[in-house]
C-alpha atoms as a PDB file:
ATOM      1  CA  MET A   1     195.206  -5.882 -99.294  1.00  0.00           C
ATOM      2  CA  ALA A   2     194.013  -2.697 -97.640  1.00  0.00           C
ATOM      3  CA  GLU A   3     194.610  -2.480 -94.059  1.00  0.00           C
ATOM      4  CA  LYS A   4     191.902  -1.561 -91.583  1.00  0.00           C
ATOM      5  CA  ARG A   5     192.257   1.777 -89.946  1.00  0.00           C
ATOM      6  CA  LYS A   6     193.110   1.566 -86.128  1.00  0.00           C
ATOM      7  CA  PHE A   7     190.971   3.860 -83.640  1.00  0.00           C
ATOM      8  CA  LYS A   8     191.259   4.793 -79.956  1.00  0.00           C
ATOM      9  CA  LYS A   9     188.759   2.442 -78.314  1.00  0.00           C
ATOM     10  CA  ARG A  10     186.800   5.007 -76.515  1.00  0.00           C
ATOM     11  CA  HIS A  11     185.129   3.899 -72.709  1.00  0.00           C
ATOM     12  CA  CYS A  12     181.691   5.031 -71.328  1.00  0.00           C
ATOM     13  CA  LYS A  13     182.394   7.606 -68.902  1.00  0.00           C
ATOM     14  CA  TYR A  14     179.352   6.658 -66.784  1.00  0.00           C
ATOM     15  CA  CYS A  15     180.213   3.024 -66.555  1.00  0.00           C
ATOM     16  CA  GLU A  16     183.725   4.561 -65.028  1.00  0.00           C
ATOM     17  CA  ALA A  17     182.206   6.913 -62.373  1.00  0.00           C
ATOM     18  CA  LYS A  18     179.634   3.780 -61.665  1.00  0.00           C
ATOM     19  CA  VAL A  19     176.720   6.249 -62.643  1.00  0.00           C
ATOM     20  CA  GLU A  20     173.398   4.388 -62.089  1.00  0.00           C
ATOM     21  CA  PHE A  21     170.807   7.190 -62.849  1.00  0.00           C
ATOM     22  CA  ILE A  22     171.290  10.087 -65.236  1.00  0.00           C
ATOM     23  CA  ASP A  23     169.113  12.929 -63.748  1.00  0.00           C
ATOM     24  CA  TYR A  24     167.387  15.550 -66.574  1.00  0.00           C
ATOM     25  CA  LYS A  25     168.130  18.011 -64.075  1.00  0.00           C
ATOM     26  CA  ASP A  26     171.597  17.807 -63.765  1.00  0.00           C
ATOM     27  CA  ILE A  27     172.519  19.410 -67.649  1.00  0.00           C
ATOM     28  CA  LYS A  28     176.366  19.583 -66.740  1.00  0.00           C
ATOM     29  CA  SER A  29     176.492  15.606 -66.567  1.00  0.00           C
ATOM     30  CA  TYR A  30     175.089  14.896 -70.082  1.00  0.00           C
ATOM     31  CA  LYS A  31     176.117  18.052 -71.504  1.00  0.00           C
ATOM     32  CA  TYR A  32     178.556  16.744 -73.718  1.00  0.00           C
ATOM     33  CA  SER A  33     176.255  14.551 -75.549  1.00  0.00           C
ATOM     34  CA  LEU A  34     175.228  17.290 -77.084  1.00  0.00           C
ATOM     35  CA  SER A  35     176.332  18.853 -80.265  1.00  0.00           C
ATOM     36  CA  GLU A  36     176.401  22.810 -80.580  1.00  0.00           C
ATOM     37  CA  ARG A  37     173.111  22.588 -82.296  1.00  0.00           C
ATOM     38  CA  TYR A  38     171.739  20.887 -79.476  1.00  0.00           C
ATOM     39  CA  LYS A  39     171.323  17.313 -80.925  1.00  0.00           C
ATOM     40  CA  ILE A  40     172.014  14.333 -79.371  1.00  0.00           C
ATOM     41  CA  MET A  41     175.343  12.593 -80.511  1.00  0.00           C
ATOM     42  CA  PRO A  42     175.568   8.914 -81.278  1.00  0.00           C
ATOM     43  CA  ARG A  43     177.557   6.594 -79.073  1.00  0.00           C
ATOM     44  CA  ARG A  44     180.455   6.090 -81.616  1.00  0.00           C
ATOM     45  CA  LEU A  45     181.119   9.920 -81.075  1.00  0.00           C
ATOM     46  CA  THR A  46     180.090   9.922 -77.344  1.00  0.00           C
ATOM     47  CA  GLY A  47     181.992   6.580 -76.427  1.00  0.00           C
ATOM     48  CA  ASN A  48     179.370   5.764 -74.210  1.00  0.00           C
ATOM     49  CA  CYS A  49     177.784   2.077 -73.846  1.00  0.00           C
ATOM     50  CA  LYS A  50     174.263   1.173 -74.913  1.00  0.00           C
ATOM     51  CA  LYS A  51     172.744   1.429 -71.251  1.00  0.00           C
ATOM     52  CA  HIS A  52     174.022   4.810 -70.196  1.00  0.00           C
ATOM     53  CA  GLN A  53     173.651   6.179 -74.209  1.00  0.00           C
ATOM     54  CA  ASP A  54     169.642   5.466 -73.742  1.00  0.00           C
ATOM     55  CA  MET A  55     169.701   7.470 -70.159  1.00  0.00           C
ATOM     56  CA  VAL A  56     171.543   9.886 -71.715  1.00  0.00           C
ATOM     57  CA  ALA A  57     169.043  10.307 -74.656  1.00  0.00           C
ATOM     58  CA  GLU A  58     165.692  10.016 -72.097  1.00  0.00           C
ATOM     59  CA  ALA A  59     167.200  12.646 -70.005  1.00  0.00           C
ATOM     60  CA  ILE A  60     167.566  15.145 -72.840  1.00  0.00           C
ATOM     61  CA  LYS A  61     164.197  14.415 -73.865  1.00  0.00           C
ATOM     62  CA  ARG A  62     162.850  15.189 -70.632  1.00  0.00           C
ATOM     63  CA  ALA A  63     165.071  18.244 -70.188  1.00  0.00           C
ATOM     64  CA  ARG A  64     163.766  19.617 -73.445  1.00  0.00           C
ATOM     65  CA  GLN A  65     160.134  18.985 -72.299  1.00  0.00           C
ATOM     66  CA  VAL A  66     160.773  21.266 -69.363  1.00  0.00           C
ATOM     67  CA  ALA A  67     162.508  23.477 -71.281  1.00  0.00           C
ATOM     68  CA  LEU A  68     165.740  23.565 -69.651  1.00  0.00           C
ATOM     69  CA  VAL A  69     167.515  22.371 -73.013  1.00  0.00           C
ATOM     70  CA  PRO A  70     166.120  23.788 -76.641  1.00  0.00           C
ATOM     71  CA  TYR A  71     165.305  21.010 -79.073  1.00  0.00           C
ATOM     72  CA  VAL A  72     167.157  22.627 -82.048  1.00  0.00           C
ATOM     73  CA  VAL A  73     169.191  25.699 -82.776  1.00  0.00           C
ATOM     74  CA  SER A  74     168.720  26.973 -86.520  1.00  0.00           C
ATOM     75  CA  ARG A  75     171.991  27.685 -88.598  1.00  0.00           C
ATOM     76  CA  LYS A  76     171.907  31.248 -87.835  1.00  0.00           C
ATOM     77  CA  GLU A  77     171.561  31.176 -84.089  1.00  0.00           C
ATOM     78  CA  VAL A  78     174.537  28.829 -83.588  1.00  0.00           C
ATOM     79  CA  VAL A  79     176.876  29.633 -80.778  1.00  0.00           C
ATOM     80  CA  ALA A  80     180.359  28.535 -79.754  1.00  0.00           C
ATOM     81  CA  SER A  81     179.500  27.203 -76.643  1.00  0.00           C
ATOM     82  CA  PRO A  82     175.965  26.863 -75.627  1.00  0.00           C
ATOM     83  CA  PHE A  83     176.524  25.875 -72.121  1.00  0.00           C
ATOM     84  CA  ASP A  84     178.439  29.261 -71.113  1.00  0.00           C
ATOM     85  CA  GLU A  85     175.319  30.849 -69.855  1.00  0.00           C
ATOM     86  CA  ILE A  86     174.559  27.937 -67.815  1.00  0.00           C
END
């Protein structure tokens, strides 16, 4: 029988910091939840709990509407670290 792989349990960094609300204007707080093409990363990669992942997604969507974060970057325009100029 094949054994299951055991991965390190990821913990929600927002729960550890006891964050109650994630503001869309504070880009530094949720920039690690975005990929290099500005897509929202899933919970299994970030380690966020359901409550805080929903808050992060809502904050990113609001920031996109206000033009603080772009929607999606094309494949030709991908940069190594999109938050260097911020």
